[in-house]
Amino acid sequence: MKNLLLLFPIIKLEIFNQEPCLLVKTNLSNKVLFLLKNHFKYQFKILTCVSGIDEPKNLYRFKVVYELLSIKFNARIRIKFLADELMLINSAESVFPNANWWESEVWDMFGIFFTNHSNLVRLLTDYGFEGYPLRKDFPLSGFYESRYSQIKNRVVYGNIELCQEYRTFEFPSPWENFKW
């Protein structure tokens, strides 16, 4: 691991459950992943997961996490890259072909855009869906509701209508005044 610290400008190194986690500059994403995959001392040949983290209060609110596995050395490593709403991240598809699916899912759920991606499409949401559901600024009830219309004999979309107002429960609990 010391050799890796000398090769790349790593922003932060964390150890969690005896597994290293590296925070690396975003513009070095493919170089870091290529080195970890092909270097004879590391050989992280399998990309097991790509996920996103949203922390809206940070300057770079998103983290993209690549989790790699080395079967030869029975080791795992996490590589994190920082991004904001407008930043583009290089796709790792040229290094790990299975990154295609994972990066499409991160884009679909968080809105993090990957450049040089062969097929960035929505996987888990509808094609007409607006917004990104796992962002912490996305409304809980969504923007539109879909329902089946008997009159039109098809699925229709419309603005959300809530049946009741939000209720506040500001009454004392009966257990607060109970005398034991």
C-alpha atoms as a PDB file:
ATOM      1  CA  MET A   1       0.000   0.000   0.000  1.00  0.00           C
ATOM      2  CA  LYS A   2       2.943   2.348   0.615  1.00  0.00           C
ATOM      3  CA  ASN A   3       3.905   2.116  -3.064  1.00  0.00           C
ATOM      4  CA  LEU A   4       0.439   3.219  -4.045  1.00  0.00           C
ATOM      5  CA  LEU A   5       0.720   6.294  -1.831  1.00  0.00           C
ATOM      6  CA  LEU A   6       3.875   7.273  -3.708  1.00  0.00           C
ATOM      7  CA  LEU A   7       2.366   6.773  -7.177  1.00  0.00           C
ATOM      8  CA  PHE A   8      -0.805   8.835  -6.862  1.00  0.00           C
ATOM      9  CA  PRO A   9      -1.764  12.026  -5.068  1.00  0.00           C
ATOM     10  CA  ILE A  10      -4.211  10.414  -2.680  1.00  0.00           C
ATOM     11  CA  ILE A  11      -6.297  12.948  -0.779  1.00  0.00           C
ATOM     12  CA  LYS A  12      -7.253  10.656   2.066  1.00  0.00           C
ATOM     13  CA  LEU A  13      -6.604   7.081   3.170  1.00  0.00           C
ATOM     14  CA  GLU A  14      -9.023   5.303   5.505  1.00  0.00           C
ATOM     15  CA  ILE A  15      -8.941   1.779   6.858  1.00  0.00           C
ATOM     16  CA  PHE A  16     -12.318   0.214   7.683  1.00  0.00           C
ATOM     17  CA  ASN A  17     -12.585  -3.462   8.711  1.00  0.00           C
ATOM     18  CA  GLN A  18      -8.974  -3.921   7.600  1.00  0.00           C
ATOM     19  CA  GLU A  19      -9.894  -2.788   4.068  1.00  0.00           C
ATOM     20  CA  PRO A  20      -8.351   0.369   2.583  1.00  0.00           C
ATOM     21  CA  CYS A  21     -10.469   3.159   1.194  1.00  0.00           C
ATOM     22  CA  LEU A  22      -8.774   5.809  -0.953  1.00  0.00           C
ATOM     23  CA  LEU A  23     -10.122   9.268  -1.763  1.00  0.00           C
ATOM     24  CA  VAL A  24      -8.473  10.236  -5.064  1.00  0.00           C
ATOM     25  CA  LYS A  25      -8.724  13.252  -7.372  1.00  0.00           C
ATOM     26  CA  THR A  26     -11.537  12.784  -9.866  1.00  0.00           C
ATOM     27  CA  ASN A  27      -9.455  13.573 -12.950  1.00  0.00           C
ATOM     28  CA  LEU A  28      -7.229  10.543 -12.155  1.00  0.00           C
ATOM     29  CA  SER A  29     -10.103   8.057 -11.957  1.00  0.00           C
ATOM     30  CA  ASN A  30      -9.238   5.811 -14.906  1.00  0.00           C
ATOM     31  CA  LYS A  31      -5.494   5.900 -14.225  1.00  0.00           C
ATOM     32  CA  VAL A  32      -5.989   4.769 -10.634  1.00  0.00           C
ATOM     33  CA  LEU A  33      -8.428   2.022 -11.614  1.00  0.00           C
ATOM     34  CA  PHE A  34      -6.150   0.844 -14.456  1.00  0.00           C
ATOM     35  CA  LEU A  35      -3.143   0.657 -12.132  1.00  0.00           C
ATOM     36  CA  LEU A  36      -5.031  -1.234  -9.437  1.00  0.00           C
ATOM     37  CA  LYS A  37      -6.317  -3.713 -11.985  1.00  0.00           C
ATOM     38  CA  ASN A  38      -3.080  -4.394 -13.860  1.00  0.00           C
ATOM     39  CA  HIS A  39      -0.215  -3.855 -11.418  1.00  0.00           C
ATOM     40  CA  PHE A  40       1.360  -7.168 -10.354  1.00  0.00           C
ATOM     41  CA  LYS A  41       1.310  -6.193  -6.647  1.00  0.00           C
ATOM     42  CA  TYR A  42      -2.417  -5.368  -6.534  1.00  0.00           C
ATOM     43  CA  GLN A  43      -4.367  -7.244  -9.248  1.00  0.00           C
ATOM     44  CA  PHE A  44      -7.832  -5.965  -8.382  1.00  0.00           C
ATOM     45  CA  LYS A  45      -9.335  -7.630 -11.452  1.00  0.00           C
ATOM     46  CA  ILE A  46     -13.014  -7.543 -10.437  1.00  0.00           C
ATOM     47  CA  LEU A  47     -15.231  -4.488 -10.078  1.00  0.00           C
ATOM     48  CA  THR A  48     -17.858  -5.574  -7.553  1.00  0.00           C
ATOM     49  CA  CYS A  49     -19.869  -2.380  -7.160  1.00  0.00           C
ATOM     50  CA  VAL A  50     -20.161   1.276  -8.111  1.00  0.00           C
ATOM     51  CA  SER A  51     -22.318   3.372  -5.824  1.00  0.00           C
ATOM     52  CA  GLY A  52     -23.108   6.991  -5.101  1.00  0.00           C
ATOM     53  CA  ILE A  53     -23.293   8.976  -1.882  1.00  0.00           C
ATOM     54  CA  ASP A  54     -25.110  12.292  -1.560  1.00  0.00           C
ATOM     55  CA  GLU A  55     -24.058  14.775   1.121  1.00  0.00           C
ATOM     56  CA  PRO A  56     -25.739  18.073   0.129  1.00  0.00           C
ATOM     57  CA  LYS A  57     -23.961  20.226   2.723  1.00  0.00           C
ATOM     58  CA  ASN A  58     -20.497  19.532   1.269  1.00  0.00           C
ATOM     59  CA  LEU A  59     -18.924  21.598  -1.502  1.00  0.00           C
ATOM     60  CA  TYR A  60     -18.617  18.443  -3.602  1.00  0.00           C
ATOM     61  CA  ARG A  61     -21.896  16.874  -2.602  1.00  0.00           C
ATOM     62  CA  PHE A  62     -21.476  13.533  -4.377  1.00  0.00           C
ATOM     63  CA  LYS A  63     -19.031  10.700  -3.881  1.00  0.00           C
ATOM     64  CA  VAL A  64     -18.743   7.930  -6.438  1.00  0.00           C
ATOM     65  CA  VAL A  65     -17.376   4.752  -4.864  1.00  0.00           C
ATOM     66  CA  TYR A  66     -15.759   1.935  -6.856  1.00  0.00           C
ATOM     67  CA  GLU A  67     -15.285  -1.322  -4.954  1.00  0.00           C
ATOM     68  CA  LEU A  68     -12.633  -3.679  -6.301  1.00  0.00           C
ATOM     69  CA  LEU A  69     -11.735  -7.276  -5.480  1.00  0.00           C
ATOM     70  CA  SER A  70      -8.415  -9.086  -5.882  1.00  0.00           C
ATOM     71  CA  ILE A  71      -8.978 -12.821  -5.958  1.00  0.00           C
ATOM     72  CA  LYS A  72      -5.256 -13.580  -6.070  1.00  0.00           C
ATOM     73  CA  PHE A  73      -4.552 -11.691  -2.831  1.00  0.00           C
ATOM     74  CA  ASN A  74      -8.009 -12.110  -1.270  1.00  0.00           C
ATOM     75  CA  ALA A  75      -8.309  -8.357  -0.750  1.00  0.00           C
ATOM     76  CA  ARG A  76     -10.808  -5.576  -1.326  1.00  0.00           C
ATOM     77  CA  ILE A  77     -10.348  -1.851  -1.819  1.00  0.00           C
ATOM     78  CA  ARG A  78     -12.682   1.130  -2.195  1.00  0.00           C
ATOM     79  CA  ILE A  79     -11.824   4.103  -4.375  1.00  0.00           C
ATOM     80  CA  LYS A  80     -13.849   7.295  -3.871  1.00  0.00           C
ATOM     81  CA  PHE A  81     -14.087  10.273  -6.213  1.00  0.00           C
ATOM     82  CA  LEU A  82     -15.719  13.617  -5.375  1.00  0.00           C
ATOM     83  CA  ALA A  83     -18.175  15.383  -7.693  1.00  0.00           C
ATOM     84  CA  ASP A  84     -20.780  18.127  -7.698  1.00  0.00           C
ATOM     85  CA  GLU A  85     -23.965  18.534  -9.762  1.00  0.00           C
ATOM     86  CA  LEU A  86     -22.164  19.786 -12.877  1.00  0.00           C
ATOM     87  CA  MET A  87     -18.924  17.813 -12.757  1.00  0.00           C
ATOM     88  CA  LEU A  88     -18.300  15.096 -15.303  1.00  0.00           C
ATOM     89  CA  ILE A  89     -16.628  11.845 -14.267  1.00  0.00           C
ATOM     90  CA  ASN A  90     -14.768   9.630 -16.718  1.00  0.00           C
ATOM     91  CA  SER A  91     -16.464   6.305 -17.208  1.00  0.00           C
ATOM     92  CA  ALA A  92     -14.502   3.291 -15.993  1.00  0.00           C
ATOM     93  CA  GLU A  93     -16.013   1.213 -18.768  1.00  0.00           C
ATOM     94  CA  SER A  94     -12.713   1.123 -20.675  1.00  0.00           C
ATOM     95  CA  VAL A  95     -10.994  -0.452 -17.631  1.00  0.00           C
ATOM     96  CA  PHE A  96     -13.873  -2.554 -16.262  1.00  0.00           C
ATOM     97  CA  PRO A  97     -16.557  -3.389 -18.888  1.00  0.00           C
ATOM     98  CA  ASN A  98     -19.137  -4.229 -16.183  1.00  0.00           C
ATOM     99  CA  ALA A  99     -18.993  -0.598 -15.011  1.00  0.00           C
ATOM    100  CA  ASN A 100     -21.531   0.075 -17.776  1.00  0.00           C
ATOM    101  CA  TRP A 101     -24.496  -1.118 -15.725  1.00  0.00           C
ATOM    102  CA  TRP A 102     -23.331   0.310 -12.389  1.00  0.00           C
ATOM    103  CA  GLU A 103     -22.606   3.785 -13.787  1.00  0.00           C
ATOM    104  CA  SER A 104     -25.973   3.884 -15.554  1.00  0.00           C
ATOM    105  CA  GLU A 105     -27.625   3.087 -12.239  1.00  0.00           C
ATOM    106  CA  VAL A 106     -25.678   5.834 -10.411  1.00  0.00           C
ATOM    107  CA  TRP A 107     -26.642   8.312 -13.129  1.00  0.00           C
ATOM    108  CA  ASP A 108     -30.292   7.232 -12.950  1.00  0.00           C
ATOM    109  CA  MET A 109     -30.524   7.529  -9.164  1.00  0.00           C
ATOM    110  CA  PHE A 110     -28.211  10.501  -8.449  1.00  0.00           C
ATOM    111  CA  GLY A 111     -27.768  12.394 -11.727  1.00  0.00           C
ATOM    112  CA  ILE A 112     -23.971  12.034 -11.772  1.00  0.00           C
ATOM    113  CA  PHE A 113     -22.946  12.131 -15.441  1.00  0.00           C
ATOM    114  CA  PHE A 114     -20.207   9.856 -16.804  1.00  0.00           C
ATOM    115  CA  THR A 115     -18.322  10.885 -19.944  1.00  0.00           C
ATOM    116  CA  ASN A 116     -17.189   8.330 -22.544  1.00  0.00           C
ATOM    117  CA  HIS A 117     -19.960   5.976 -21.464  1.00  0.00           C
ATOM    118  CA  SER A 118     -21.318   3.807 -24.276  1.00  0.00           C
ATOM    119  CA  ASN A 119     -24.981   3.683 -23.184  1.00  0.00           C
ATOM    120  CA  LEU A 120     -26.005   5.968 -20.317  1.00  0.00           C
ATOM    121  CA  VAL A 121     -29.723   5.171 -19.935  1.00  0.00           C
ATOM    122  CA  ARG A 122     -32.294   5.040 -17.164  1.00  0.00           C
ATOM    123  CA  LEU A 123     -32.444   1.571 -15.642  1.00  0.00           C
ATOM    124  CA  LEU A 124     -34.634   1.779 -12.545  1.00  0.00           C
ATOM    125  CA  THR A 125     -36.956   4.695 -13.291  1.00  0.00           C
ATOM    126  CA  ASP A 126     -39.451   5.280 -16.072  1.00  0.00           C
ATOM    127  CA  TYR A 127     -38.246   6.961 -19.274  1.00  0.00           C
ATOM    128  CA  GLY A 128     -40.431   9.998 -18.645  1.00  0.00           C
ATOM    129  CA  PHE A 129     -39.305  10.316 -15.035  1.00  0.00           C
ATOM    130  CA  GLU A 130     -37.977  13.734 -14.066  1.00  0.00           C
ATOM    131  CA  GLY A 131     -35.385  14.099 -11.357  1.00  0.00           C
ATOM    132  CA  TYR A 132     -33.121  11.723  -9.509  1.00  0.00           C
ATOM    133  CA  PRO A 133     -34.767   9.795  -6.651  1.00  0.00           C
ATOM    134  CA  LEU A 134     -31.766   9.246  -4.352  1.00  0.00           C
ATOM    135  CA  ARG A 135     -30.768  12.895  -4.202  1.00  0.00           C
ATOM    136  CA  LYS A 136     -31.550  14.288  -0.820  1.00  0.00           C
ATOM    137  CA  ASP A 137     -33.285  17.299  -2.401  1.00  0.00           C
ATOM    138  CA  PHE A 138     -35.811  15.139  -4.287  1.00  0.00           C
ATOM    139  CA  PRO A 139     -39.376  15.463  -2.890  1.00  0.00           C
ATOM    140  CA  LEU A 140     -40.661  12.406  -1.049  1.00  0.00           C
ATOM    141  CA  SER A 141     -43.867  12.245  -3.045  1.00  0.00           C
ATOM    142  CA  GLY A 142     -42.277  12.883  -6.433  1.00  0.00           C
ATOM    143  CA  PHE A 143     -43.429  15.362  -9.063  1.00  0.00           C
ATOM    144  CA  TYR A 144     -46.182  13.440 -10.865  1.00  0.00           C
ATOM    145  CA  GLU A 145     -48.450  10.526 -10.130  1.00  0.00           C
ATOM    146  CA  SER A 146     -49.524   7.870 -12.578  1.00  0.00           C
ATOM    147  CA  ARG A 147     -52.902   6.163 -12.474  1.00  0.00           C
ATOM    148  CA  TYR A 148     -55.110   4.159 -14.757  1.00  0.00           C
ATOM    149  CA  SER A 149     -58.002   6.106 -16.300  1.00  0.00           C
ATOM    150  CA  GLN A 150     -61.132   4.076 -17.068  1.00  0.00           C
ATOM    151  CA  ILE A 151     -62.391   6.843 -19.357  1.00  0.00           C
ATOM    152  CA  LYS A 152     -59.225   7.048 -21.492  1.00  0.00           C
ATOM    153  CA  ASN A 153     -58.536   3.323 -21.083  1.00  0.00           C
ATOM    154  CA  ARG A 154     -54.814   3.923 -20.454  1.00  0.00           C
ATOM    155  CA  VAL A 155     -52.307   5.128 -17.876  1.00  0.00           C
ATOM    156  CA  VAL A 156     -52.381   8.910 -17.386  1.00  0.00           C
ATOM    157  CA  TYR A 157     -50.005  11.236 -15.586  1.00  0.00           C
ATOM    158  CA  GLY A 158     -50.987  14.243 -13.540  1.00  0.00           C
ATOM    159  CA  ASN A 159     -49.894  16.485 -10.729  1.00  0.00           C
ATOM    160  CA  ILE A 160     -49.898  14.944  -7.306  1.00  0.00           C
ATOM    161  CA  GLU A 161     -53.000  15.561  -5.239  1.00  0.00           C
ATOM    162  CA  LEU A 162     -52.665  14.769  -1.574  1.00  0.00           C
ATOM    163  CA  CYS A 163     -55.938  13.644   0.003  1.00  0.00           C
ATOM    164  CA  GLN A 164     -55.276  15.167   3.387  1.00  0.00           C
ATOM    165  CA  GLU A 165     -53.105  17.874   4.786  1.00  0.00           C
ATOM    166  CA  TYR A 166     -50.019  16.960   6.701  1.00  0.00           C
ATOM    167  CA  ARG A 167     -50.924  16.520  10.327  1.00  0.00           C
ATOM    168  CA  THR A 168     -48.940  17.581  13.309  1.00  0.00           C
ATOM    169  CA  PHE A 169     -49.207  15.594  16.476  1.00  0.00           C
ATOM    170  CA  GLU A 170     -48.659  18.085  19.258  1.00  0.00           C
ATOM    171  CA  PHE A 171     -50.573  16.590  22.131  1.00  0.00           C
ATOM    172  CA  PRO A 172     -49.158  15.306  25.389  1.00  0.00           C
ATOM    173  CA  SER A 173     -48.548  11.639  25.710  1.00  0.00           C
ATOM    174  CA  PRO A 174     -50.793   9.915  28.273  1.00  0.00           C
ATOM    175  CA  TRP A 175     -47.673   8.273  29.664  1.00  0.00           C
ATOM    176  CA  GLU A 176     -46.032  11.580  30.567  1.00  0.00           C
ATOM    177  CA  ASN A 177     -48.475  12.347  33.381  1.00  0.00           C
ATOM    178  CA  PHE A 178     -48.920   8.798  34.565  1.00  0.00           C
ATOM    179  CA  LYS A 179     -48.112   8.338  38.230  1.00  0.00           C
ATOM    180  CA  TRP A 180     -46.365   5.091  39.037  1.00  0.00           C
END
